[in-house]
Amino acid sequence: MASELASWLSHPDKDGRERVLIFHTFSNTGWLAYGAILDNLRSQEDLLDKIKGCVVDSGGDPHIEPKVWAAGFTAALLKKRSSSVLPGEVHELSHGSPTMQEKKPWLLETLLFEGFERLFSFLLKLPSENRRLMKIISTLVNDQPPCPQLYLYSTSDKVIPFRSVESFIDEQRGRGREVLSFNFRTSPHVDHYRTFPSTYASLLQSFLEGCLVKVKKT
C-alpha cells in the first residue's frame, strides 16, 4: 500500500494541483497500519510532507499488550456495540442473575477473548514480530509528519485504555506536535460516530477545514 500511495502522490492531479493525504484510522490496528506506511515512506520526506492530517478513532495506545489485541479482535469478530468483555464480566438483570439468552453470547465472547489473549501472548513475543511492531511504534512516537493530529476516544472504551491515549497525546504535544482530542466518555470502541453522529461530524469537519486551510497556504 505504501508504494501505491507513493506513486499516487508523486503525480499531480489533471488540473495540476498537488495531491495530498489525510488519514482516518480506526482502532489500534488501523493506527499501526498508518505507522507502517509512515515507516515505509521514512526516506521520502517530500512525500511525508504531503500528509496533511491524521484522525485516530479509538486508537493511539503504543503499548504491546496481549489483552488489548485480544479485546480488539474479539469485538471486531463479534461485530457488536460493546467494547469487549474482560474475563469474569457478565451482564446481570436487576435481580442479579443472568438469563440463559444473555449468558450464551457473553460466554462465547469470554471464550474468544481468552483464546485470543493466549494467541497474542505467544505471537507478540516472537522476536521478528516484536521488532517489527517496536519499529512501527517508534515511528508513531518519534517521526510523525508535522501535520495536525486528532484523537477521538472514550473513557468507556474497554479495548483501548483511555489513559494510554491521553498519555500518548501529552507526549506528542510535548514534542511540539499540533494535537487535538475529544473524549466522548460514554461511547464504546469504534462506535463514537454511531453514538454521537452530530458531534463526530462537527469535529471532523472543523479538523478537515483546518488541515485544508494549511494546504492552501503552502
Protein backbone atom coordinates (compact mmCIF):
# COMPACT_ATOMS: atom_id res chain seq x y z
CA MET A 1 0.00 0.00 0.00
CA ALA A 2 2.84 2.41 0.83
CA SER A 3 4.35 2.03 -2.64
CA GLU A 4 0.96 2.62 -4.29
CA LEU A 5 0.40 5.74 -2.21
CA ALA A 6 3.91 6.96 -3.04
CA SER A 7 3.21 6.52 -6.74
CA TRP A 8 -0.14 8.33 -6.48
CA LEU A 9 1.37 11.23 -4.51
CA SER A 10 4.21 11.63 -7.00
CA HIS A 11 1.87 12.73 -9.79
CA PRO A 12 -0.28 15.89 -9.75
CA ASP A 13 -4.00 15.83 -10.48
CA LYS A 14 -5.22 16.51 -14.02
CA ASP A 15 -5.81 20.16 -13.11
CA GLY A 16 -2.21 20.46 -11.92
CA ARG A 17 -2.97 20.58 -8.20
CA GLU A 18 -0.66 18.77 -5.82
CA ARG A 19 -2.07 15.62 -4.30
CA VAL A 20 -2.22 15.37 -0.51
CA LEU A 21 -3.37 12.79 2.02
CA ILE A 22 -5.41 12.94 5.22
CA PHE A 23 -5.61 9.64 7.08
CA HIS A 24 -8.56 8.45 9.16
CA THR A 25 -7.68 5.34 11.18
CA PHE A 26 -9.86 3.08 13.32
CA SER A 27 -8.76 1.10 16.37
CA ASN A 28 -5.14 0.35 17.17
CA THR A 29 -4.77 -1.93 14.13
CA GLY A 30 -5.63 0.95 11.78
CA TRP A 31 -3.31 3.27 13.67
CA LEU A 32 -0.46 0.75 13.46
CA ALA A 33 -1.14 0.29 9.73
CA TYR A 34 -0.74 4.07 9.38
CA GLY A 35 2.53 3.79 11.30
CA ALA A 36 3.73 1.07 8.92
CA ILE A 37 3.01 3.36 5.95
CA LEU A 38 4.95 6.18 7.62
CA ASP A 39 7.84 3.83 8.29
CA ASN A 40 7.94 2.73 4.65
CA LEU A 41 7.91 6.36 3.48
CA ARG A 42 10.51 7.49 6.00
CA SER A 43 13.23 8.01 3.41
CA GLN A 44 10.90 10.07 1.17
CA GLU A 45 10.47 13.26 3.14
CA ASP A 46 8.88 15.10 0.22
CA LEU A 47 6.04 12.56 0.26
CA LEU A 48 5.66 12.64 4.05
CA ASP A 49 5.17 16.41 3.76
CA LYS A 50 2.10 15.71 1.61
CA ILE A 51 0.36 14.05 4.58
CA LYS A 52 -1.71 16.95 5.91
CA GLY A 53 -3.59 15.37 8.79
CA CYS A 54 -4.45 12.21 10.68
CA VAL A 55 -7.62 11.28 12.57
CA VAL A 56 -7.19 8.48 15.11
CA ASP A 57 -10.52 6.93 16.12
CA SER A 58 -10.28 4.55 19.11
CA GLY A 59 -6.53 4.08 18.76
CA GLY A 60 -3.25 5.55 19.89
CA ASP A 61 -2.09 3.04 22.51
CA PRO A 62 1.65 2.46 21.96
CA HIS A 63 1.91 -0.45 24.40
CA ILE A 64 2.26 -4.01 23.10
CA GLU A 65 -0.31 -5.64 25.36
CA PRO A 66 -1.93 -9.03 24.54
CA LYS A 67 -5.14 -8.07 26.39
CA VAL A 68 -5.62 -5.02 24.15
CA TRP A 69 -5.10 -7.06 20.97
CA ALA A 70 -7.40 -9.81 22.25
CA ALA A 71 -10.14 -7.33 23.15
CA GLY A 72 -9.93 -5.64 19.75
CA PHE A 73 -10.11 -8.84 17.74
CA THR A 74 -12.94 -10.19 19.90
CA ALA A 75 -15.01 -7.03 19.45
CA ALA A 76 -14.33 -6.98 15.69
CA LEU A 77 -15.20 -10.64 15.26
CA LEU A 78 -18.48 -10.41 17.11
CA LYS A 79 -19.40 -7.08 15.45
CA LYS A 80 -21.25 -5.84 18.48
CA ARG A 81 -21.62 -2.48 20.15
CA SER A 82 -19.90 -3.47 23.38
CA SER A 83 -16.22 -2.70 23.53
CA SER A 84 -15.19 -6.12 24.75
CA VAL A 85 -15.58 -8.39 27.70
CA LEU A 86 -12.89 -8.98 30.22
CA PRO A 87 -12.80 -12.38 31.96
CA GLY A 88 -15.49 -12.63 34.60
CA GLU A 89 -17.67 -9.81 33.29
CA VAL A 90 -21.34 -10.73 32.86
CA HIS A 91 -24.37 -8.52 32.30
CA GLU A 92 -26.88 -9.21 35.01
CA LEU A 93 -30.51 -8.27 35.48
CA SER A 94 -31.51 -6.06 38.34
CA HIS A 95 -32.26 -9.23 40.33
CA GLY A 96 -28.64 -10.24 39.94
CA SER A 97 -28.99 -13.39 37.84
CA PRO A 98 -28.19 -13.53 34.10
CA THR A 99 -30.71 -15.12 31.76
CA MET A 100 -29.69 -18.02 29.52
CA GLN A 101 -30.20 -15.82 26.44
CA GLU A 102 -27.76 -13.26 27.82
CA LYS A 103 -25.37 -15.86 29.17
CA LYS A 104 -24.60 -17.59 25.86
CA PRO A 105 -23.21 -14.61 23.90
CA TRP A 106 -21.22 -13.44 26.90
CA LEU A 107 -19.81 -16.92 27.38
CA LEU A 108 -18.80 -17.00 23.70
CA GLU A 109 -17.19 -13.58 24.00
CA THR A 110 -15.27 -14.62 27.10
CA LEU A 111 -14.01 -17.77 25.39
CA LEU A 112 -12.93 -15.81 22.31
CA PHE A 113 -11.18 -13.21 24.44
CA GLU A 114 -9.27 -15.82 26.40
CA GLY A 115 -8.31 -17.69 23.22
CA PHE A 116 -7.07 -14.53 21.51
CA GLU A 117 -5.19 -13.49 24.64
CA ARG A 118 -3.27 -16.78 24.66
CA LEU A 119 -2.58 -16.46 20.94
CA PHE A 120 -1.26 -12.90 21.15
CA SER A 121 0.71 -13.65 24.31
CA PHE A 122 2.66 -16.05 22.09
CA LEU A 123 2.75 -14.09 18.82
CA LEU A 124 3.73 -10.73 20.28
CA LYS A 125 6.75 -12.29 21.97
CA LEU A 126 8.15 -13.66 18.72
CA PRO A 127 11.37 -11.71 18.10
CA SER A 128 10.54 -10.88 14.47
CA GLU A 129 7.01 -9.65 15.27
CA ASN A 130 8.13 -7.76 18.35
CA ARG A 131 10.90 -5.96 16.43
CA ARG A 132 8.53 -5.06 13.60
CA LEU A 133 5.92 -3.64 15.97
CA MET A 134 8.50 -1.74 18.02
CA LYS A 135 9.82 -0.16 14.82
CA ILE A 136 6.32 0.96 13.79
CA ILE A 137 5.54 2.30 17.27
CA SER A 138 8.85 4.15 17.35
CA THR A 139 7.87 5.85 14.08
CA LEU A 140 4.48 6.85 15.51
CA VAL A 141 6.10 8.22 18.66
CA ASN A 142 9.12 9.96 17.16
CA ASP A 143 8.68 10.52 13.43
CA GLN A 144 5.13 11.55 12.59
CA PRO A 145 4.75 14.17 9.84
CA PRO A 146 4.41 17.79 11.01
CA CYS A 147 0.66 17.76 10.42
CA PRO A 148 -2.31 18.10 12.80
CA GLN A 149 -3.45 15.01 14.68
CA LEU A 150 -6.99 14.45 16.00
CA TYR A 151 -7.65 11.74 18.60
CA LEU A 152 -11.25 10.62 19.14
CA TYR A 153 -11.58 8.32 22.12
CA SER A 154 -13.79 7.42 25.07
CA THR A 155 -13.44 6.76 28.77
CA SER A 156 -15.85 3.83 28.26
CA ASP A 157 -13.70 2.12 25.61
CA LYS A 158 -12.74 -1.27 27.08
CA VAL A 159 -10.46 -2.17 24.17
CA ILE A 160 -8.09 0.80 24.17
CA PRO A 161 -7.33 2.22 27.66
CA PHE A 162 -8.20 5.90 27.55
CA ARG A 163 -5.31 6.80 29.85
CA SER A 164 -2.87 5.30 27.33
CA VAL A 165 -4.37 7.50 24.61
CA GLU A 166 -4.20 10.61 26.80
CA SER A 167 -0.60 9.82 27.75
CA PHE A 168 0.32 9.49 24.07
CA ILE A 169 -1.46 12.78 23.28
CA ASP A 170 0.53 14.54 26.02
CA GLU A 171 3.76 13.05 24.69
CA GLN A 172 3.05 14.24 21.15
CA ARG A 173 2.21 17.72 22.40
CA GLY A 174 5.45 17.70 24.35
CA ARG A 175 7.24 17.08 21.06
CA GLY A 176 5.67 20.21 19.60
CA ARG A 177 3.02 18.47 17.52
CA GLU A 178 -0.34 20.07 16.85
CA VAL A 179 -2.69 17.64 18.59
CA LEU A 180 -6.45 17.94 19.06
CA SER A 181 -8.57 15.47 21.00
CA PHE A 182 -12.09 14.74 22.15
CA ASN A 183 -13.29 12.31 24.82
CA PHE A 184 -16.80 11.05 24.04
CA ARG A 185 -16.88 9.47 27.52
CA THR A 186 -19.75 7.00 27.09
CA SER A 187 -19.43 5.53 23.58
CA PRO A 188 -17.89 2.06 23.04
CA HIS A 189 -14.86 1.20 20.93
CA VAL A 190 -15.07 2.45 17.31
CA ASP A 191 -18.67 3.49 17.98
CA HIS A 192 -18.33 7.22 18.53
CA TYR A 193 -19.90 8.25 15.21
CA ARG A 194 -22.87 5.92 15.61
CA THR A 195 -23.45 7.11 19.19
CA PHE A 196 -22.83 10.83 18.63
CA PRO A 197 -23.15 11.45 14.86
CA SER A 198 -23.62 15.23 15.03
CA THR A 199 -20.73 15.85 17.40
CA TYR A 200 -18.47 13.48 15.47
CA ALA A 201 -19.29 15.10 12.13
CA SER A 202 -18.76 18.59 13.55
CA LEU A 203 -15.35 17.67 14.99
CA LEU A 204 -14.30 16.06 11.74
CA GLN A 205 -15.47 18.99 9.61
CA SER A 206 -13.64 21.50 11.78
CA PHE A 207 -10.44 19.42 11.71
CA LEU A 208 -10.54 18.91 7.94
CA GLU A 209 -11.18 22.59 7.31
CA GLY A 210 -8.15 23.44 9.44
CA CYS A 211 -6.00 20.96 7.51
CA LEU A 212 -7.17 22.29 4.15
CA VAL A 213 -6.50 25.89 5.17
CA LYS A 214 -2.90 24.90 5.78
CA VAL A 215 -2.79 23.18 2.37
CA LYS A 216 -3.96 26.38 0.64
CA LYS A 217 -1.25 28.39 2.40
CA THR A 218 1.55 26.13 1.12
